[in-house]
């Protein structure tokens, strides 16, 4: 019960869950649009740089204010829209769940988040 309302789970079965998952697996995002999500992107591409020197790491480090934000880039929403995760307690927060199947990139993502917080 929450806010005076009782919630009930929708009925589900293993067969129903599998059928639903198989339907979702066939979905593909649109490609070929001007601002579509790239198939893959390097860290430098995501940061809009061609060389590590263009990142100005010392300047970024000096300008960063962890009292206000702990935002780290984690990917792209589109070719020109960078997605950030803000680990600050007043934003997305420091707690989360990273889930996926074997080989889906959980360890790479965790390592990237760790290194990106040092930007």
N, C-alpha and C. Protein backbone atom coordinates (compact mmCIF):
# COMPACT_ATOMS: atom_id res chain seq x y z
N UNK A 1 0.85 -1.16 0.00
CA UNK A 1 0.00 0.00 0.00
C UNK A 1 0.90 1.24 0.00
N UNK A 2 0.53 2.21 -0.82
CA UNK A 2 1.26 3.46 -0.89
C UNK A 2 0.27 4.58 -1.13
N UNK A 3 0.38 5.64 -0.35
CA UNK A 3 -0.53 6.78 -0.47
C UNK A 3 -1.99 6.35 -0.41
N UNK A 4 -2.26 5.34 0.42
CA UNK A 4 -3.63 4.88 0.58
C UNK A 4 -4.15 4.02 -0.55
N UNK A 5 -3.28 3.64 -1.50
CA UNK A 5 -3.71 2.83 -2.63
C UNK A 5 -3.02 1.47 -2.59
N UNK A 6 -3.78 0.44 -2.86
CA UNK A 6 -3.22 -0.90 -2.90
C UNK A 6 -2.83 -1.22 -4.33
N UNK A 7 -1.64 -1.78 -4.49
CA UNK A 7 -1.15 -2.14 -5.80
C UNK A 7 -1.08 -3.65 -5.93
N UNK A 8 -1.44 -4.14 -7.09
CA UNK A 8 -1.34 -5.56 -7.38
C UNK A 8 -0.49 -5.75 -8.62
N UNK A 9 0.36 -6.77 -8.61
CA UNK A 9 1.15 -7.08 -9.78
C UNK A 9 0.27 -7.63 -10.89
N UNK A 10 0.61 -7.30 -12.11
CA UNK A 10 -0.08 -7.91 -13.24
C UNK A 10 0.23 -9.40 -13.24
N UNK A 11 -0.72 -10.21 -13.65
CA UNK A 11 -0.43 -11.64 -13.71
C UNK A 11 0.63 -11.92 -14.78
N UNK A 12 1.52 -12.86 -14.49
CA UNK A 12 2.55 -13.20 -15.47
C UNK A 12 2.91 -14.68 -15.33
N UNK A 13 3.41 -15.19 -16.44
CA UNK A 13 3.87 -16.58 -16.46
C UNK A 13 5.23 -16.61 -17.15
N UNK A 14 5.96 -17.66 -16.96
CA UNK A 14 7.25 -17.80 -17.61
C UNK A 14 7.08 -17.73 -19.13
N UNK A 15 6.06 -18.42 -19.65
CA UNK A 15 5.83 -18.43 -21.09
C UNK A 15 5.48 -17.02 -21.60
N UNK A 16 4.66 -16.31 -20.84
CA UNK A 16 4.29 -14.95 -21.22
C UNK A 16 5.49 -14.03 -21.19
N UNK A 17 6.35 -14.17 -20.18
CA UNK A 17 7.55 -13.34 -20.09
C UNK A 17 8.47 -13.59 -21.27
N UNK A 18 8.64 -14.87 -21.63
CA UNK A 18 9.52 -15.19 -22.74
C UNK A 18 8.97 -14.64 -24.06
N UNK A 19 7.67 -14.78 -24.26
CA UNK A 19 7.05 -14.26 -25.49
C UNK A 19 7.23 -12.74 -25.58
N UNK A 20 7.05 -12.06 -24.47
CA UNK A 20 7.21 -10.60 -24.45
C UNK A 20 8.66 -10.22 -24.75
N UNK A 21 9.61 -10.92 -24.13
CA UNK A 21 11.03 -10.63 -24.36
C UNK A 21 11.41 -10.87 -25.82
N UNK A 22 10.87 -11.94 -26.41
CA UNK A 22 11.17 -12.23 -27.82
C UNK A 22 10.60 -11.15 -28.74
N UNK A 23 9.44 -10.60 -28.41
CA UNK A 23 8.88 -9.51 -29.22
C UNK A 23 9.76 -8.26 -29.11
N UNK A 24 10.25 -7.96 -27.91
CA UNK A 24 11.11 -6.79 -27.73
C UNK A 24 12.44 -6.95 -28.46
N UNK A 25 12.96 -8.18 -28.52
CA UNK A 25 14.26 -8.42 -29.15
C UNK A 25 14.28 -8.06 -30.62
N UNK A 26 13.14 -8.06 -31.26
CA UNK A 26 13.10 -7.77 -32.69
C UNK A 26 13.07 -6.28 -33.00
N UNK A 27 12.98 -5.43 -31.97
CA UNK A 27 12.92 -3.99 -32.20
C UNK A 27 14.29 -3.44 -32.57
N UNK A 28 14.35 -2.62 -33.57
CA UNK A 28 15.59 -1.96 -33.98
C UNK A 28 15.35 -0.46 -34.00
N UNK A 29 16.37 0.31 -33.60
CA UNK A 29 16.22 1.76 -33.69
C UNK A 29 16.44 2.17 -35.15
N UNK A 30 15.86 3.29 -35.51
CA UNK A 30 15.98 3.78 -36.88
C UNK A 30 17.40 4.26 -37.14
N UNK A 31 17.92 3.95 -38.28
CA UNK A 31 19.23 4.43 -38.66
C UNK A 31 19.09 5.23 -39.95
N UNK A 32 20.12 5.98 -40.25
CA UNK A 32 20.09 6.75 -41.49
C UNK A 32 19.57 8.16 -41.32
N UNK A 33 19.04 8.47 -40.16
CA UNK A 33 18.58 9.83 -39.93
C UNK A 33 19.78 10.71 -39.60
N UNK A 34 19.64 11.99 -39.80
CA UNK A 34 20.75 12.92 -39.57
C UNK A 34 21.25 12.84 -38.13
N UNK A 35 20.37 12.70 -37.19
CA UNK A 35 20.76 12.74 -35.78
C UNK A 35 20.53 11.39 -35.10
N UNK A 36 20.62 10.29 -35.82
CA UNK A 36 20.37 8.99 -35.22
C UNK A 36 21.53 8.57 -34.31
N UNK A 37 21.28 7.59 -33.48
CA UNK A 37 22.29 7.11 -32.55
C UNK A 37 23.36 6.36 -33.34
N UNK A 38 24.64 6.71 -33.16
CA UNK A 38 25.69 6.00 -33.88
C UNK A 38 25.80 4.55 -33.42
N UNK A 39 26.28 3.69 -34.30
CA UNK A 39 26.46 2.27 -33.97
C UNK A 39 27.47 2.10 -32.83
N UNK A 40 28.55 2.87 -32.88
CA UNK A 40 29.51 2.90 -31.79
C UNK A 40 30.18 4.27 -31.78
N UNK A 41 30.79 4.59 -30.66
CA UNK A 41 31.43 5.89 -30.53
C UNK A 41 32.61 5.75 -29.57
N UNK A 42 33.71 6.39 -29.89
CA UNK A 42 34.86 6.37 -29.00
C UNK A 42 34.69 7.46 -27.95
N UNK A 43 35.48 7.36 -26.90
CA UNK A 43 35.45 8.38 -25.85
C UNK A 43 35.77 9.76 -26.43
N UNK A 44 36.81 9.82 -27.26
CA UNK A 44 37.18 11.12 -27.84
C UNK A 44 36.06 11.69 -28.71
N UNK A 45 35.42 10.84 -29.50
CA UNK A 45 34.30 11.30 -30.32
C UNK A 45 33.17 11.83 -29.44
N UNK A 46 32.88 11.11 -28.35
CA UNK A 46 31.81 11.53 -27.45
C UNK A 46 32.13 12.90 -26.83
N UNK A 47 33.42 13.13 -26.58
CA UNK A 47 33.82 14.39 -25.97
C UNK A 47 34.08 15.49 -27.00
N UNK A 48 33.89 15.19 -28.29
CA UNK A 48 34.08 16.18 -29.34
C UNK A 48 35.52 16.55 -29.57
N UNK A 49 36.43 15.58 -29.37
CA UNK A 49 37.86 15.83 -29.53
C UNK A 49 38.45 14.83 -30.50
N UNK A 50 39.52 15.24 -31.17
CA UNK A 50 40.23 14.32 -32.06
C UNK A 50 41.50 13.81 -31.41
N UNK A 51 41.96 14.49 -30.38
CA UNK A 51 43.21 14.13 -29.71
C UNK A 51 43.04 14.36 -28.21
N UNK A 52 43.76 13.61 -27.41
CA UNK A 52 43.66 13.74 -25.95
C UNK A 52 43.99 15.15 -25.49
N UNK A 53 44.93 15.80 -26.17
CA UNK A 53 45.30 17.17 -25.79
C UNK A 53 44.11 18.12 -25.86
N UNK A 54 43.17 17.86 -26.76
CA UNK A 54 42.00 18.72 -26.92
C UNK A 54 41.03 18.62 -25.75
N UNK A 55 41.23 17.66 -24.88
CA UNK A 55 40.33 17.50 -23.72
C UNK A 55 40.65 18.50 -22.61
N UNK A 56 41.85 19.05 -22.62
CA UNK A 56 42.26 20.03 -21.59
C UNK A 56 41.95 19.49 -20.19
N UNK A 57 42.50 18.35 -19.90
CA UNK A 57 42.18 17.61 -18.67
C UNK A 57 42.49 18.43 -17.42
N UNK A 58 43.66 19.07 -17.37
CA UNK A 58 44.00 19.87 -16.18
C UNK A 58 43.00 21.00 -15.95
N UNK A 59 42.59 21.65 -17.03
CA UNK A 59 41.61 22.74 -16.90
C UNK A 59 40.26 22.21 -16.42
N UNK A 60 39.83 21.08 -16.97
CA UNK A 60 38.57 20.47 -16.55
C UNK A 60 38.62 20.11 -15.07
N UNK A 61 39.74 19.53 -14.67
CA UNK A 61 39.90 19.09 -13.29
C UNK A 61 39.85 20.31 -12.36
N UNK A 62 40.55 21.38 -12.74
CA UNK A 62 40.58 22.59 -11.91
C UNK A 62 39.21 23.27 -11.85
N UNK A 63 38.46 23.22 -12.94
CA UNK A 63 37.17 23.91 -12.99
C UNK A 63 36.04 23.10 -12.35
N UNK A 64 36.24 21.81 -12.21
CA UNK A 64 35.19 20.96 -11.65
C UNK A 64 34.89 21.31 -10.20
N UNK A 65 33.64 21.29 -9.82
CA UNK A 65 33.23 21.58 -8.46
C UNK A 65 32.36 20.43 -7.96
N UNK A 66 32.96 19.46 -7.23
CA UNK A 66 32.20 18.29 -6.79
C UNK A 66 31.09 18.62 -5.79
N UNK A 67 31.10 19.82 -5.23
CA UNK A 67 30.02 20.22 -4.34
C UNK A 67 28.74 20.44 -5.14
N UNK A 68 28.89 20.86 -6.40
CA UNK A 68 27.74 21.15 -7.25
C UNK A 68 27.34 20.01 -8.17
N UNK A 69 28.32 19.28 -8.69
CA UNK A 69 28.00 18.26 -9.69
C UNK A 69 29.09 17.19 -9.76
N UNK A 70 28.66 15.98 -10.01
CA UNK A 70 29.56 14.86 -10.29
C UNK A 70 29.12 14.20 -11.59
N UNK A 71 28.81 15.02 -12.58
CA UNK A 71 28.30 14.53 -13.86
C UNK A 71 29.43 13.93 -14.69
N UNK A 72 29.15 12.77 -15.26
CA UNK A 72 30.10 12.11 -16.16
C UNK A 72 29.37 11.70 -17.43
N UNK A 73 30.01 11.88 -18.58
CA UNK A 73 29.37 11.45 -19.83
C UNK A 73 29.39 9.93 -19.93
N UNK A 74 28.26 9.34 -20.28
CA UNK A 74 28.20 7.87 -20.37
C UNK A 74 27.77 7.40 -21.76
N UNK A 75 27.45 8.30 -22.65
CA UNK A 75 27.04 7.88 -23.98
C UNK A 75 26.38 9.02 -24.72
N UNK A 76 25.69 8.67 -25.79
CA UNK A 76 25.01 9.65 -26.62
C UNK A 76 23.54 9.31 -26.74
N UNK A 77 22.70 10.33 -26.66
CA UNK A 77 21.28 10.15 -26.98
C UNK A 77 21.09 10.22 -28.49
N UNK A 78 21.95 11.00 -29.12
CA UNK A 78 21.97 11.14 -30.57
C UNK A 78 23.37 11.59 -30.92
N UNK A 79 23.63 11.84 -32.20
CA UNK A 79 24.99 12.23 -32.60
C UNK A 79 25.47 13.49 -31.91
N UNK A 80 24.55 14.38 -31.56
CA UNK A 80 24.95 15.67 -31.00
C UNK A 80 24.50 15.88 -29.56
N UNK A 81 23.89 14.89 -28.94
CA UNK A 81 23.35 15.05 -27.60
C UNK A 81 23.99 14.04 -26.65
N UNK A 82 24.95 14.52 -25.86
CA UNK A 82 25.68 13.66 -24.93
C UNK A 82 24.82 13.37 -23.70
N UNK A 83 24.82 12.11 -23.28
CA UNK A 83 24.08 11.67 -22.10
C UNK A 83 25.03 11.65 -20.91
N UNK A 84 24.64 12.29 -19.82
CA UNK A 84 25.48 12.32 -18.62
C UNK A 84 24.76 11.69 -17.45
N UNK A 85 25.53 11.04 -16.61
CA UNK A 85 25.05 10.50 -15.34
C UNK A 85 25.67 11.36 -14.25
N UNK A 86 24.83 11.97 -13.42
CA UNK A 86 25.33 12.82 -12.36
C UNK A 86 25.24 12.05 -11.05
N UNK A 87 26.40 11.68 -10.52
CA UNK A 87 26.46 10.87 -9.31
C UNK A 87 26.29 11.69 -8.02
N UNK A 88 26.07 12.99 -8.15
CA UNK A 88 25.87 13.83 -6.97
C UNK A 88 24.57 13.43 -6.28
N UNK A 89 24.58 13.50 -4.96
CA UNK A 89 23.41 13.06 -4.18
C UNK A 89 22.16 13.89 -4.47
N UNK A 90 22.30 15.11 -4.98
CA UNK A 90 21.14 15.94 -5.30
C UNK A 90 20.71 15.81 -6.76
N UNK A 91 21.36 14.92 -7.49
CA UNK A 91 20.97 14.67 -8.89
C UNK A 91 20.52 13.22 -9.01
N UNK A 92 21.18 12.45 -9.88
CA UNK A 92 20.81 11.04 -10.04
C UNK A 92 21.18 10.22 -8.81
N UNK A 93 22.24 10.62 -8.12
CA UNK A 93 22.65 9.95 -6.89
C UNK A 93 23.74 8.92 -7.11
N UNK A 94 24.38 8.53 -6.00
CA UNK A 94 25.52 7.62 -6.09
C UNK A 94 25.15 6.14 -6.16
N UNK A 95 23.91 5.80 -5.97
CA UNK A 95 23.52 4.40 -5.94
C UNK A 95 22.84 4.02 -7.25
N UNK A 96 23.09 2.81 -7.68
CA UNK A 96 22.47 2.37 -8.91
C UNK A 96 22.65 0.89 -9.10
N UNK A 97 22.10 0.41 -10.17
CA UNK A 97 22.18 -1.00 -10.52
C UNK A 97 22.63 -1.09 -11.96
N UNK A 98 23.65 -1.88 -12.18
CA UNK A 98 24.16 -2.11 -13.52
C UNK A 98 23.92 -3.57 -13.84
N UNK A 99 23.03 -3.83 -14.77
CA UNK A 99 22.63 -5.21 -15.07
C UNK A 99 22.77 -5.49 -16.55
N UNK A 100 22.98 -6.74 -16.86
CA UNK A 100 23.08 -7.17 -18.25
C UNK A 100 23.56 -8.59 -18.33
N UNK A 101 23.45 -9.15 -19.50
CA UNK A 101 23.88 -10.53 -19.71
C UNK A 101 25.40 -10.59 -19.84
N UNK A 102 25.93 -11.78 -19.80
CA UNK A 102 27.36 -11.98 -19.96
C UNK A 102 27.81 -11.39 -21.30
N UNK A 103 28.87 -10.59 -21.24
CA UNK A 103 29.40 -10.00 -22.46
C UNK A 103 28.71 -8.73 -22.91
N UNK A 104 27.77 -8.22 -22.11
CA UNK A 104 27.02 -7.02 -22.54
C UNK A 104 27.75 -5.71 -22.25
N UNK A 105 28.84 -5.77 -21.49
CA UNK A 105 29.63 -4.57 -21.25
C UNK A 105 29.50 -3.97 -19.86
N UNK A 106 29.02 -4.75 -18.89
CA UNK A 106 28.87 -4.23 -17.52
C UNK A 106 30.22 -3.79 -16.94
N UNK A 107 31.24 -4.63 -17.07
CA UNK A 107 32.56 -4.30 -16.52
C UNK A 107 33.16 -3.11 -17.23
N UNK A 108 33.00 -3.04 -18.55
CA UNK A 108 33.50 -1.88 -19.31
C UNK A 108 32.80 -0.61 -18.87
N UNK A 109 31.50 -0.69 -18.66
CA UNK A 109 30.74 0.48 -18.22
C UNK A 109 31.19 0.92 -16.84
N UNK A 110 31.35 -0.03 -15.92
CA UNK A 110 31.79 0.31 -14.56
C UNK A 110 33.18 0.93 -14.59
N UNK A 111 34.08 0.36 -15.38
CA UNK A 111 35.44 0.91 -15.48
C UNK A 111 35.41 2.31 -16.11
N UNK A 112 34.56 2.49 -17.11
CA UNK A 112 34.44 3.81 -17.75
C UNK A 112 33.91 4.85 -16.76
N UNK A 113 32.88 4.48 -16.00
CA UNK A 113 32.34 5.41 -15.01
C UNK A 113 33.40 5.78 -14.00
N UNK A 114 34.17 4.81 -13.59
CA UNK A 114 35.24 5.07 -12.62
C UNK A 114 36.25 6.05 -13.18
N UNK A 115 36.71 5.82 -14.40
CA UNK A 115 37.73 6.70 -14.99
C UNK A 115 37.14 8.06 -15.35
N UNK A 116 35.88 8.11 -15.76
CA UNK A 116 35.29 9.39 -16.14
C UNK A 116 35.06 10.32 -14.96
N UNK A 117 34.90 9.76 -13.76
CA UNK A 117 34.74 10.63 -12.59
C UNK A 117 36.04 11.37 -12.30
N UNK A 118 37.13 10.92 -12.89
CA UNK A 118 38.44 11.57 -12.71
C UNK A 118 38.72 12.57 -13.81
N UNK A 119 37.73 12.93 -14.60
CA UNK A 119 37.97 13.85 -15.70
C UNK A 119 38.21 15.21 -15.16
